[in-house]
Amino acid sequence: MERLTMHASFPTLGQVMRFAFAASGVLPRKRGEDDGVTEQDKKRIQQQLKRLADEDGKLLDQSQELISQLSNILAATLTNTKALVSIGETTMDLFEVYNAVVQDEGTFLGEQESIAWFCRIHAIPRLVLSIQKHLLRFNVAASGLITPDEADWYLPTFSQDGITWPLAKAMRWAYRVCDTNRTRFHYPGKSTWTENEELARNLANAEDWCEGRRTPSWTALHWTFSRSFEHLASIEDVNDKRDITESLRESILLVLFLARLSTYVCKALAQTYGQTFLEQLVSQFQQHRAWLAVETASLRDTTADYIREKAVPASAVDEVWWQFSDAFWRWFSYRSIASAHQVHALLDPDSDDQFPEETVADLISMFGDYGVRTTLEKIAISSETKIPDGFAQWLHAGLDLKSNPACSDDDIDRYEHELHDRNLSSCLGWLASWLRAVARYRAEDYRAAFDYIEEAFQCAKYRAGKHQYKLVNQYVELAAKVGSWKSFTKGIAWARYLGLQVRWLRDKDPTEENLRFVFATMKVARYAEL
């Protein structure tokens, strides 16, 4: 996992997208196999990742383009269209949740703590829901894919002996369904009289991967297993020869990809937060899956009954699953929202007492297990995260200073000292920089004001949530006043990512002509209310 900062912040868009590519394991290319990614493609993607990290251009469009390219790369190695689309839709769901949190909620936690909070409050619930939603919508079960019998094959298992990673489970399953063992799978015909450097290397790598000593790139894992399929089919010794069908190969490779992806993410979490936190997330995933299973069982039964009773032709079955699923998940969303509203309406904000079981039972009878249990869980997790003492008070104190035309550097110095003494600098330091920018704006020292507003803008981005309208607009204005077109366009891009309107642009498209007009207007405009 990328090095995390200590100041209050969510990870940046660039960090998120780099992690997505690293987790999928598609860019490393130490072998010469045809994986659909040329060196030119790889360089272009690296440039796009850098551009996103620099936050230059349309941020959402760039992010979605990178996710689309990731899907296209995977399509060269994962041939089951339904499964691939389901993976892509789940990825997009998680990305949209991340965007919504950055845009709306903000954070007073350090980056590492913010990620942990996001995993428990948003990522795990959304992941469980999205997996089930898209498996049913796209009727993936009809693809004939086979997966390990173990329900948790894609999750790590914990024991006194350590952690068994999903990739190890998947590899051992692959050897079993091919009716062979690891040595014969990767080095068929191996004996004291044989010597094949490639097969020996493949076997050594497989041993390292299966024992958890290293996590391969997907490129390397796919290449190694694909080569083994070829060698098993071509060897003459009937004891080692295996003709693995295309459908079984497809299933094995898909299972390996998902297991490797899970292993990479879980190892990163364990390395950063420790095994106990990882166990907590896995337990939460399993609990959400159990709660949701009751709900999805009715959808499965209703859809299957309709298909049987109406004798739906095979060509129309997928469409029926799509329509029934779409109606179900819309209803499910409305009911979950109503459930959350009802739970919060009954909640006593001044009491730490848990809901009486009879109240919980009544709510479940109205809204179902999933909506009620997940809302109560979210409330419990949120209560574990305490707002820093004085946070609200000194946030409002800073905003009051900003509105005071007589605010001086001495006032701001005292404010900064208060933030430092109360350990609030990491989450409210951006406000002190903004105050200094405002003071210089009022004195019409726009160059000095821009230097401070740029610092405030950069610091507030991934921590201030939706409360950035005035800050971003003033940043854009001062960028125009000092003639910095690059900073101006970056401010516009960030405003559009947050869904904020920019003065003079409003709902207009950010065309070159419109942006030049706003740039020229803001050079001379001056606002009394800051």
Protein backbone atom coordinates (compact mmCIF):
# COMPACT_ATOMS: atom_id res chain seq x y z
CA MET A 1 0.00 0.00 0.00
CA GLU A 2 1.25 3.49 -0.85
CA ARG A 3 2.85 5.53 1.95
CA LEU A 4 0.09 7.29 3.88
CA THR A 5 0.15 10.83 5.24
CA MET A 6 -0.57 11.72 8.86
CA HIS A 7 -2.65 14.84 8.22
CA ALA A 8 -6.43 14.65 8.03
CA SER A 9 -7.32 13.52 4.53
CA PHE A 10 -8.82 10.86 2.33
CA PRO A 11 -6.48 9.32 -0.27
CA THR A 12 -6.37 11.29 -3.51
CA LEU A 13 -7.95 10.19 -6.77
CA GLY A 14 -4.48 9.46 -8.11
CA GLN A 15 -3.66 7.24 -5.14
CA VAL A 16 -6.94 5.35 -5.45
CA MET A 17 -6.48 4.68 -9.14
CA ARG A 18 -2.85 3.62 -8.76
CA PHE A 19 -3.90 1.18 -6.04
CA ALA A 20 -6.63 -0.21 -8.32
CA PHE A 21 -4.08 -0.95 -11.05
CA ALA A 22 -1.58 -2.37 -8.56
CA ALA A 23 -4.26 -4.56 -6.97
CA SER A 24 -5.37 -5.90 -10.35
CA GLY A 25 -1.73 -6.65 -11.21
CA VAL A 26 -1.99 -5.89 -14.91
CA LEU A 27 0.86 -3.46 -15.58
CA PRO A 28 4.03 -5.38 -14.58
CA ARG A 29 5.30 -7.14 -17.71
CA LYS A 30 8.46 -9.18 -17.13
CA ARG A 31 7.51 -11.76 -19.74
CA GLY A 32 6.84 -11.53 -23.44
CA GLU A 33 3.34 -12.99 -23.47
CA ASP A 34 0.52 -11.33 -25.37
CA ASP A 35 -1.64 -9.90 -22.59
CA GLY A 36 -3.20 -7.15 -24.69
CA VAL A 37 -0.93 -4.45 -23.25
CA THR A 38 1.78 -3.10 -25.50
CA GLU A 39 4.65 -1.03 -24.16
CA GLN A 40 3.00 1.98 -25.80
CA ASP A 41 -0.28 1.20 -24.00
CA LYS A 42 1.58 0.83 -20.73
CA LYS A 43 3.33 4.18 -21.14
CA ARG A 44 0.04 5.88 -22.05
CA ILE A 45 -1.65 4.48 -18.94
CA GLN A 46 1.26 5.59 -16.76
CA GLN A 47 0.95 9.07 -18.26
CA GLN A 48 -2.79 9.10 -17.59
CA LEU A 49 -2.20 8.00 -14.00
CA LYS A 50 0.33 10.80 -13.59
CA ARG A 51 -2.06 13.33 -15.09
CA LEU A 52 -4.77 12.21 -12.69
CA ALA A 53 -2.31 12.44 -9.79
CA ASP A 54 -1.55 16.01 -10.89
CA GLU A 55 -5.34 16.58 -11.08
CA ASP A 56 -5.05 18.17 -14.46
CA GLY A 57 -8.25 18.04 -16.52
CA LYS A 58 -11.67 16.46 -16.02
CA LEU A 59 -11.09 14.28 -12.98
CA LEU A 60 -14.13 12.03 -13.17
CA ASP A 61 -13.78 11.53 -16.91
CA GLN A 62 -10.12 10.63 -16.51
CA SER A 63 -10.87 8.20 -13.68
CA GLN A 64 -13.65 6.49 -15.60
CA GLU A 65 -11.45 6.24 -18.68
CA LEU A 66 -8.74 4.52 -16.63
CA ILE A 67 -11.28 2.07 -15.17
CA SER A 68 -12.51 1.38 -18.70
CA GLN A 69 -8.95 0.72 -19.86
CA LEU A 70 -8.40 -1.60 -16.91
CA SER A 71 -11.49 -3.57 -17.95
CA ASN A 72 -10.24 -3.75 -21.54
CA ILE A 73 -6.87 -5.08 -20.38
CA LEU A 74 -8.52 -7.75 -18.27
CA ALA A 75 -10.74 -8.75 -21.19
CA ALA A 76 -7.64 -10.12 -22.91
CA THR A 77 -7.14 -12.69 -20.14
CA LEU A 78 -10.63 -13.19 -18.65
CA THR A 79 -12.93 -14.42 -21.39
CA ASN A 80 -16.24 -14.77 -19.53
CA THR A 81 -18.07 -11.58 -20.47
CA LYS A 82 -20.71 -11.76 -17.75
CA ALA A 83 -18.15 -12.22 -15.00
CA LEU A 84 -15.92 -9.49 -16.40
CA VAL A 85 -18.79 -6.99 -16.62
CA SER A 86 -19.83 -7.87 -13.06
CA ILE A 87 -16.30 -7.18 -11.84
CA GLY A 88 -16.26 -3.87 -13.69
CA GLU A 89 -19.64 -2.79 -12.32
CA THR A 90 -18.61 -3.68 -8.77
CA THR A 91 -15.40 -1.69 -9.17
CA MET A 92 -17.36 1.30 -10.45
CA ASP A 93 -19.78 1.05 -7.50
CA LEU A 94 -16.90 1.22 -5.02
CA PHE A 95 -15.38 4.14 -6.90
CA GLU A 96 -18.68 6.03 -6.85
CA VAL A 97 -18.99 5.48 -3.08
CA TYR A 98 -15.47 6.85 -2.60
CA ASN A 99 -16.33 9.89 -4.75
CA ALA A 100 -19.51 10.56 -2.78
CA VAL A 101 -17.65 10.43 0.54
CA VAL A 102 -14.91 12.80 -0.65
CA GLN A 103 -17.46 15.16 -2.17
CA ASP A 104 -19.91 15.23 0.74
CA GLU A 105 -18.52 14.07 4.06
CA GLY A 106 -14.95 15.24 4.54
CA THR A 107 -12.78 13.95 7.40
CA PHE A 108 -10.97 15.03 10.53
CA LEU A 109 -9.03 11.74 10.66
CA GLY A 110 -5.54 11.07 9.36
CA GLU A 111 -5.30 9.38 5.98
CA GLN A 112 -4.68 5.93 7.46
CA GLU A 113 -7.57 6.28 9.91
CA SER A 114 -9.81 7.69 7.16
CA ILE A 115 -9.21 4.62 4.99
CA ALA A 116 -9.96 2.29 7.91
CA TRP A 117 -13.18 4.21 8.63
CA PHE A 118 -14.14 4.13 4.95
CA CYS A 119 -13.58 0.37 4.77
CA ARG A 120 -15.89 -0.35 7.70
CA ILE A 121 -18.60 2.25 7.05
CA HIS A 122 -18.76 2.14 3.25
CA ALA A 123 -16.48 -0.26 1.37
CA ILE A 124 -17.39 -3.60 2.96
CA PRO A 125 -21.18 -3.00 2.90
CA ARG A 126 -21.04 -1.76 -0.70
CA LEU A 127 -18.78 -4.60 -1.83
CA VAL A 128 -21.05 -7.30 -0.43
CA LEU A 129 -24.12 -5.65 -1.95
CA SER A 130 -22.54 -5.04 -5.36
CA ILE A 131 -21.22 -8.58 -5.71
CA GLN A 132 -24.67 -10.07 -5.16
CA LYS A 133 -26.42 -7.40 -7.19
CA HIS A 134 -24.36 -7.86 -10.34
CA LEU A 135 -24.11 -11.64 -10.13
CA LEU A 136 -27.90 -11.72 -10.26
CA ARG A 137 -28.43 -8.88 -12.74
CA PHE A 138 -26.14 -10.48 -15.31
CA ASN A 139 -27.23 -14.04 -14.51
CA VAL A 140 -23.61 -15.10 -14.09
CA ALA A 141 -24.70 -18.48 -12.71
CA ALA A 142 -25.89 -19.43 -16.20
CA SER A 143 -22.33 -19.14 -17.54
CA GLY A 144 -21.44 -22.59 -16.27
CA LEU A 145 -18.43 -21.35 -14.32
CA ILE A 146 -17.19 -23.55 -11.51
CA THR A 147 -15.61 -22.26 -8.31
CA PRO A 148 -14.20 -23.88 -5.16
CA ASP A 149 -16.73 -25.55 -2.88
CA GLU A 150 -15.55 -23.53 0.12
CA ALA A 151 -17.88 -20.53 0.58
CA ASP A 152 -15.00 -18.30 1.66
CA TRP A 153 -12.45 -19.34 -0.96
CA TYR A 154 -11.92 -15.67 -1.89
CA LEU A 155 -11.36 -14.60 1.74
CA PRO A 156 -8.33 -15.25 3.98
CA THR A 157 -8.67 -17.89 6.68
CA PHE A 158 -7.13 -17.33 10.11
CA SER A 159 -5.77 -20.02 12.42
CA GLN A 160 -3.10 -20.57 15.04
CA ASP A 161 -0.75 -21.52 12.22
CA GLY A 162 -1.20 -18.15 10.52
CA ILE A 163 -3.17 -16.85 7.53
CA THR A 164 -4.17 -18.92 4.54
CA TRP A 165 -4.49 -16.46 1.67
CA PRO A 166 -7.15 -16.79 -1.05
CA LEU A 167 -4.54 -17.29 -3.76
CA ALA A 168 -3.21 -20.40 -1.98
CA LYS A 169 -6.76 -21.78 -1.74
CA ALA A 170 -7.39 -21.11 -5.42
CA MET A 171 -4.13 -22.67 -6.60
CA ARG A 172 -4.65 -25.85 -4.56
CA TRP A 173 -8.22 -26.08 -5.87
CA ALA A 174 -6.94 -25.70 -9.44
CA TYR A 175 -4.57 -28.63 -9.00
CA ARG A 176 -7.37 -30.77 -7.55
CA VAL A 177 -9.89 -30.08 -10.34
CA CYS A 178 -7.16 -30.91 -12.86
CA ASP A 179 -6.60 -34.22 -11.03
CA THR A 180 -2.92 -33.56 -10.39
CA ASN A 181 -0.59 -31.91 -7.90
CA ARG A 182 1.48 -28.75 -7.92
CA THR A 183 4.68 -30.39 -9.17
CA ARG A 184 3.04 -32.33 -11.99
CA PHE A 185 0.90 -29.33 -12.97
CA HIS A 186 3.82 -26.92 -13.42
CA TYR A 187 6.56 -29.43 -14.27
CA PRO A 188 4.90 -32.46 -15.91
CA GLY A 189 7.33 -35.30 -16.42
CA LYS A 190 9.75 -33.98 -13.78
CA SER A 191 12.37 -36.51 -12.75
CA THR A 192 16.06 -36.71 -11.91
CA TRP A 193 16.77 -37.16 -15.64
CA THR A 194 14.83 -34.14 -16.87
CA GLU A 195 16.00 -30.54 -16.98
CA ASN A 196 13.79 -27.74 -18.21
CA GLU A 197 14.71 -24.26 -17.01
CA GLU A 198 11.32 -22.68 -17.78
CA LEU A 199 9.29 -25.39 -16.03
CA ALA A 200 11.64 -25.42 -13.04
CA ARG A 201 11.24 -21.65 -12.71
CA ASN A 202 7.46 -21.88 -13.04
CA LEU A 203 7.32 -24.52 -10.31
CA ALA A 204 9.54 -22.49 -8.00
CA ASN A 205 7.39 -19.42 -8.54
CA ALA A 206 4.21 -21.39 -7.91
CA GLU A 207 5.64 -22.70 -4.63
CA ASP A 208 6.44 -19.16 -3.49
CA TRP A 209 2.99 -17.89 -4.47
CA CYS A 210 1.11 -20.79 -2.92
CA GLU A 211 3.04 -20.54 0.34
CA GLY A 212 2.37 -16.79 0.51
CA ARG A 213 6.00 -15.69 0.25
CA ARG A 214 5.26 -13.47 -2.75
CA THR A 215 2.15 -12.19 -4.53
CA PRO A 216 2.58 -12.34 -8.31
CA SER A 217 1.31 -9.85 -10.81
CA TRP A 218 -1.78 -11.08 -12.64
CA THR A 219 0.30 -11.07 -15.82
CA ALA A 220 2.81 -13.51 -14.32
CA LEU A 221 0.14 -15.70 -12.72
CA HIS A 222 -1.90 -15.91 -15.92
CA TRP A 223 1.18 -16.67 -18.02
CA THR A 224 2.39 -19.41 -15.69
CA PHE A 225 -0.93 -21.25 -15.55
CA SER A 226 -1.57 -20.83 -19.27
CA ARG A 227 1.83 -22.31 -20.07
CA SER A 228 1.13 -25.20 -17.70
CA PHE A 229 -2.17 -25.91 -19.50
CA GLU A 230 -0.19 -26.15 -22.77
CA HIS A 231 2.52 -28.40 -21.32
CA LEU A 232 -0.03 -30.72 -19.69
CA ALA A 233 -1.80 -31.15 -23.04
CA SER A 234 1.38 -31.76 -25.05
CA ILE A 235 3.33 -34.15 -22.81
CA GLU A 236 3.38 -37.76 -23.97
CA ASP A 237 3.46 -39.46 -20.56
CA VAL A 238 -0.14 -40.56 -19.90
CA ASN A 239 0.41 -40.27 -16.15
CA ASP A 240 1.01 -36.52 -16.42
CA LYS A 241 -0.97 -35.66 -19.55
CA ARG A 242 -4.13 -33.62 -18.93
CA ASP A 243 -6.45 -32.15 -21.55
CA ILE A 244 -7.97 -29.24 -19.65
CA THR A 245 -11.15 -28.09 -21.40
CA GLU A 246 -11.53 -24.45 -22.39
CA SER A 247 -14.45 -24.03 -20.00
CA LEU A 248 -12.41 -25.36 -17.07
CA ARG A 249 -9.47 -23.16 -18.02
CA GLU A 250 -11.82 -20.18 -18.07
CA SER A 251 -13.08 -21.01 -14.58
CA ILE A 252 -9.61 -21.62 -13.17
CA LEU A 253 -8.24 -18.34 -14.51
CA LEU A 254 -11.20 -16.35 -13.22
CA VAL A 255 -10.89 -17.92 -9.75
CA LEU A 256 -7.14 -17.24 -9.76
CA PHE A 257 -7.66 -13.60 -10.73
CA LEU A 258 -10.22 -12.94 -8.00
CA ALA A 259 -8.18 -14.81 -5.40
CA ARG A 260 -5.02 -12.93 -6.32
CA LEU A 261 -6.89 -9.60 -6.20
CA SER A 262 -8.29 -10.42 -2.76
CA THR A 263 -4.87 -11.57 -1.55
CA TYR A 264 -3.20 -8.37 -2.68
CA VAL A 265 -5.78 -6.13 -0.98
CA CYS A 266 -5.92 -8.20 2.22
CA LYS A 267 -2.12 -8.31 2.54
CA ALA A 268 -1.98 -4.53 2.10
CA LEU A 269 -4.59 -4.11 4.84
CA ALA A 270 -2.80 -6.52 7.18
CA GLN A 271 0.53 -4.80 6.57
CA THR A 272 -0.92 -1.36 7.32
CA TYR A 273 -3.44 -2.10 10.08
CA GLY A 274 -2.51 -5.52 11.45
CA GLN A 275 -4.14 -8.94 11.37
CA THR A 276 -6.80 -8.08 13.95
CA PHE A 277 -8.25 -5.33 11.75
CA LEU A 278 -8.22 -7.63 8.72
CA GLU A 279 -10.06 -10.32 10.71
CA GLN A 280 -12.62 -7.68 11.69
CA LEU A 281 -13.24 -6.76 8.05
CA VAL A 282 -13.54 -10.39 6.97
CA SER A 283 -16.03 -11.06 9.78
CA GLN A 284 -18.02 -7.97 8.77
CA PHE A 285 -18.06 -9.14 5.13
CA GLN A 286 -19.35 -12.57 6.17
CA GLN A 287 -22.04 -11.03 8.39
CA HIS A 288 -23.29 -8.71 5.65
CA ARG A 289 -23.33 -11.60 3.21
CA ALA A 290 -25.46 -13.63 5.63
CA TRP A 291 -27.89 -10.74 6.19
CA LEU A 292 -28.21 -10.19 2.45
CA ALA A 293 -28.65 -13.89 1.62
CA VAL A 294 -32.14 -13.85 3.15
CA GLU A 295 -33.12 -10.96 0.87
CA THR A 296 -31.62 -12.32 -2.36
CA ALA A 297 -33.11 -15.79 -1.83
CA SER A 298 -36.57 -14.35 -2.52
CA LEU A 299 -35.35 -12.73 -5.74
CA ARG A 300 -33.77 -15.97 -6.92
CA ASP A 301 -36.88 -18.00 -6.14
CA THR A 302 -39.30 -15.49 -7.69
CA THR A 303 -37.28 -15.16 -10.90
CA ALA A 304 -36.69 -18.90 -11.29
CA ASP A 305 -40.40 -19.62 -10.71
CA TYR A 306 -41.43 -17.09 -13.34
CA ILE A 307 -38.99 -18.48 -15.91
CA ARG A 308 -40.28 -22.03 -15.29
CA GLU A 309 -43.99 -21.18 -15.18
CA LYS A 310 -43.87 -18.96 -18.27
CA ALA A 311 -41.56 -21.34 -20.14
CA VAL A 312 -39.29 -18.42 -20.98
CA PRO A 313 -37.11 -19.31 -23.98
CA ALA A 314 -33.36 -19.56 -23.35
CA SER A 315 -32.72 -16.49 -25.49
CA ALA A 316 -34.84 -14.33 -23.14
CA VAL A 317 -33.71 -15.68 -19.75
CA ASP A 318 -30.95 -13.11 -19.25
CA GLU A 319 -33.39 -10.28 -19.97
CA VAL A 320 -35.81 -11.65 -17.35
CA TRP A 321 -33.04 -11.78 -14.76
CA TRP A 322 -32.10 -8.22 -15.61
CA GLN A 323 -35.67 -6.89 -15.34
CA PHE A 324 -36.53 -8.74 -12.14
CA SER A 325 -33.20 -7.76 -10.57
CA ASP A 326 -33.56 -4.12 -11.57
CA ALA A 327 -37.03 -3.90 -10.01
CA PHE A 328 -35.87 -5.74 -6.89
CA TRP A 329 -32.80 -3.59 -6.25
CA ARG A 330 -34.78 -0.38 -6.75
CA TRP A 331 -37.32 -1.55 -4.18
CA PHE A 332 -34.50 -2.74 -1.92
CA SER A 333 -32.83 0.68 -2.07
CA TYR A 334 -36.04 2.53 -1.20
CA ARG A 335 -36.76 0.18 1.68
CA SER A 336 -33.18 0.49 3.03
CA ILE A 337 -33.45 4.28 2.99
CA ALA A 338 -36.82 4.13 4.77
CA SER A 339 -35.35 1.71 7.30
CA ALA A 340 -32.40 4.02 8.05
CA HIS A 341 -34.74 7.00 8.48
CA GLN A 342 -36.94 5.06 10.89
CA VAL A 343 -33.99 3.82 12.95
CA HIS A 344 -32.53 7.33 13.24
CA ALA A 345 -35.94 8.75 14.13
CA LEU A 346 -36.12 6.37 17.11
CA LEU A 347 -32.51 6.99 18.13
CA ASP A 348 -31.89 9.05 21.27
CA PRO A 349 -28.78 11.13 20.49
CA ASP A 350 -28.18 11.78 24.20
CA SER A 351 -28.18 8.13 25.20
CA ASP A 352 -25.56 5.42 24.75
CA ASP A 353 -28.10 2.68 25.42
CA GLN A 354 -28.61 0.10 22.68
CA PHE A 355 -31.97 -0.41 21.04
CA PRO A 356 -34.19 -2.82 22.98
CA GLU A 357 -34.39 -6.18 21.21
CA GLU A 358 -38.17 -5.89 20.91
CA THR A 359 -37.74 -2.59 19.03
CA VAL A 360 -35.18 -4.18 16.74
CA ALA A 361 -37.53 -7.10 16.13
CA ASP A 362 -40.39 -4.72 15.26
CA LEU A 363 -38.17 -2.84 12.81
CA ILE A 364 -37.00 -6.06 11.18
CA SER A 365 -40.60 -7.17 10.72
CA MET A 366 -41.23 -3.94 8.78
CA PHE A 367 -37.96 -3.47 6.87
CA GLY A 368 -36.15 -6.80 6.90
CA ASP A 369 -32.99 -7.94 8.62
CA TYR A 370 -30.47 -6.34 6.27
CA GLY A 371 -31.64 -2.72 6.35
CA VAL A 372 -32.06 -2.62 10.12
CA ARG A 373 -28.89 -4.51 11.05
CA THR A 374 -26.64 -2.57 8.71
CA THR A 375 -28.00 0.78 9.92
CA LEU A 376 -27.42 -0.19 13.56
CA GLU A 377 -23.93 -1.37 12.70
CA LYS A 378 -23.15 1.91 10.96
CA ILE A 379 -24.32 3.87 14.01
CA ALA A 380 -22.17 1.70 16.30
CA ILE A 381 -19.04 2.13 14.13
CA SER A 382 -19.61 5.88 13.86
CA SER A 383 -19.86 6.16 17.64
CA GLU A 384 -16.35 4.69 17.92
CA THR A 385 -14.94 7.67 16.02
CA LYS A 386 -14.87 10.64 18.35
CA ILE A 387 -14.82 14.16 16.95
CA PRO A 388 -11.69 15.90 18.30
CA ASP A 389 -12.38 18.11 21.31
CA GLY A 390 -13.02 21.66 20.20
CA PHE A 391 -13.27 20.80 16.50
CA ALA A 392 -16.70 22.34 15.92
CA GLN A 393 -15.92 25.34 18.15
CA TRP A 394 -12.70 26.26 16.37
CA LEU A 395 -14.12 25.53 12.94
CA HIS A 396 -16.85 28.09 13.56
CA ALA A 397 -14.36 30.46 15.20
CA GLY A 398 -12.26 30.37 12.03
CA LEU A 399 -15.27 30.98 9.81
CA ASP A 400 -16.30 33.89 12.02
CA LEU A 401 -12.82 35.39 11.65
CA LYS A 402 -13.05 35.01 7.89
CA SER A 403 -16.27 37.03 7.88
CA ASN A 404 -14.73 39.79 10.01
CA PRO A 405 -13.31 42.61 7.82
CA ALA A 406 -11.07 43.70 10.73
CA CYS A 407 -9.36 40.30 11.02
CA SER A 408 -5.58 40.85 11.23
CA ASP A 409 -2.48 38.65 11.15
CA ASP A 410 -2.30 38.95 14.94
CA ASP A 411 -5.80 37.46 15.16
CA ILE A 412 -4.80 34.69 12.79
CA ASP A 413 -1.59 34.02 14.76
CA ARG A 414 -3.65 33.56 17.92
CA TYR A 415 -6.05 31.30 16.05
CA GLU A 416 -3.19 29.15 14.73
CA HIS A 417 -1.71 28.88 18.23
CA GLU A 418 -5.07 27.67 19.52
CA LEU A 419 -5.24 25.04 16.78
CA HIS A 420 -1.72 23.88 17.61
CA ASP A 421 -2.33 23.75 21.36
CA ARG A 422 -5.54 21.75 20.87
CA ASN A 423 -4.00 19.35 18.30
CA LEU A 424 -6.38 20.59 15.61
CA SER A 425 -3.80 21.81 13.08
CA SER A 426 -3.93 18.59 11.07
CA CYS A 427 -7.66 18.93 10.40
CA LEU A 428 -8.20 22.73 10.48
CA GLY A 429 -4.84 24.11 9.39
CA TRP A 430 -6.25 24.81 5.92
CA LEU A 431 -8.62 27.34 7.50
CA ALA A 432 -5.72 29.35 8.96
CA SER A 433 -4.13 29.56 5.49
CA TRP A 434 -7.46 30.68 4.06
CA LEU A 435 -7.73 33.41 6.70
CA ARG A 436 -4.35 34.81 5.68
CA ALA A 437 -5.42 34.73 2.03
CA VAL A 438 -8.62 36.63 2.87
CA ALA A 439 -6.72 39.28 4.84
CA ARG A 440 -4.42 39.91 1.88
CA TYR A 441 -7.32 39.82 -0.58
CA ARG A 442 -8.95 42.63 1.36
CA ALA A 443 -5.66 44.56 1.18
CA GLU A 444 -5.63 43.88 -2.61
CA ASP A 445 -2.28 42.07 -2.32
CA TYR A 446 -3.42 39.38 -4.70
CA ARG A 447 -0.06 37.69 -5.25
CA ALA A 448 0.41 37.07 -1.52
CA ALA A 449 -3.27 36.14 -1.21
CA PHE A 450 -2.87 33.55 -3.96
CA ASP A 451 0.11 31.90 -2.26
CA TYR A 452 -1.96 31.37 0.89
CA ILE A 453 -5.17 30.36 -0.90
CA GLU A 454 -3.25 27.79 -2.93
CA GLU A 455 -1.98 26.23 0.30
CA ALA A 456 -5.50 26.25 1.76
CA PHE A 457 -7.00 24.82 -1.45
CA GLN A 458 -4.54 21.92 -1.61
CA CYS A 459 -4.97 21.11 2.09
CA ALA A 460 -8.79 21.32 2.08
CA LYS A 461 -9.36 19.17 -1.01
CA TYR A 462 -9.68 15.73 0.51
CA ARG A 463 -10.77 16.74 3.98
CA ALA A 464 -13.35 19.57 3.83
CA GLY A 465 -16.11 17.72 1.94
CA LYS A 466 -18.95 19.79 0.49
CA HIS A 467 -18.08 22.93 2.50
CA GLN A 468 -15.61 24.22 -0.09
CA TYR A 469 -17.76 26.48 -2.27
CA LYS A 470 -16.32 29.84 -1.17
CA LEU A 471 -12.78 28.53 -0.83
CA VAL A 472 -12.70 27.00 -4.33
CA ASN A 473 -14.32 30.07 -5.89
CA GLN A 474 -11.82 32.37 -4.25
CA TYR A 475 -8.97 30.12 -5.37
CA VAL A 476 -10.23 30.26 -8.96
CA GLU A 477 -10.63 34.03 -8.77
CA LEU A 478 -7.15 34.65 -7.35
CA ALA A 479 -5.60 32.30 -9.91
CA ALA A 480 -7.16 34.53 -12.58
CA LYS A 481 -5.97 37.70 -10.84
CA VAL A 482 -2.34 36.51 -10.82
CA GLY A 483 -2.63 35.16 -14.37
CA SER A 484 -2.18 31.46 -13.53
CA TRP A 485 -4.23 29.66 -16.16
CA LYS A 486 -3.03 26.24 -14.98
CA SER A 487 -4.15 26.87 -11.40
CA PHE A 488 -7.40 28.37 -12.67
CA THR A 489 -8.28 25.26 -14.70
CA LYS A 490 -7.30 22.99 -11.81
CA GLY A 491 -9.69 24.89 -9.59
CA ILE A 492 -12.44 24.56 -12.18
CA ALA A 493 -11.78 20.81 -12.46
CA TRP A 494 -11.95 20.33 -8.70
CA ALA A 495 -15.15 22.38 -8.43
CA ARG A 496 -16.80 20.24 -11.09
CA TYR A 497 -15.62 17.06 -9.38
CA LEU A 498 -17.25 18.23 -6.14
CA GLY A 499 -20.39 19.32 -7.98
CA LEU A 500 -19.85 22.97 -7.02
CA GLN A 501 -20.75 25.87 -9.25
CA VAL A 502 -18.12 28.46 -10.15
CA ARG A 503 -19.15 32.10 -10.39
CA TRP A 504 -19.74 33.26 -13.97
CA LEU A 505 -19.52 29.69 -15.28
CA ARG A 506 -22.40 28.12 -13.34
CA ASP A 507 -24.00 25.36 -15.43
CA LYS A 508 -22.25 26.22 -18.68
CA ASP A 509 -19.94 23.69 -20.31
CA PRO A 510 -16.26 24.33 -19.49
CA THR A 511 -15.35 25.05 -23.10
CA GLU A 512 -12.22 27.03 -23.92
CA GLU A 513 -14.35 30.04 -24.84
CA ASN A 514 -16.40 29.94 -21.63
CA LEU A 515 -13.35 29.44 -19.43
CA ARG A 516 -11.51 32.33 -21.10
CA PHE A 517 -14.50 34.56 -20.42
CA VAL A 518 -14.60 33.55 -16.72
CA PHE A 519 -10.82 33.98 -16.47
CA ALA A 520 -10.98 37.50 -17.91
CA THR A 521 -13.98 38.45 -15.75
CA MET A 522 -12.41 37.23 -12.52
CA LYS A 523 -9.24 39.18 -13.24
CA VAL A 524 -11.15 42.40 -12.57
CA ALA A 525 -14.07 41.28 -10.39
CA ARG A 526 -13.94 41.84 -6.64
CA TYR A 527 -16.30 40.44 -4.02
CA ALA A 528 -17.11 42.06 -0.69
CA GLU A 529 -18.39 38.87 0.91
CA LEU A 530 -15.70 36.24 1.31
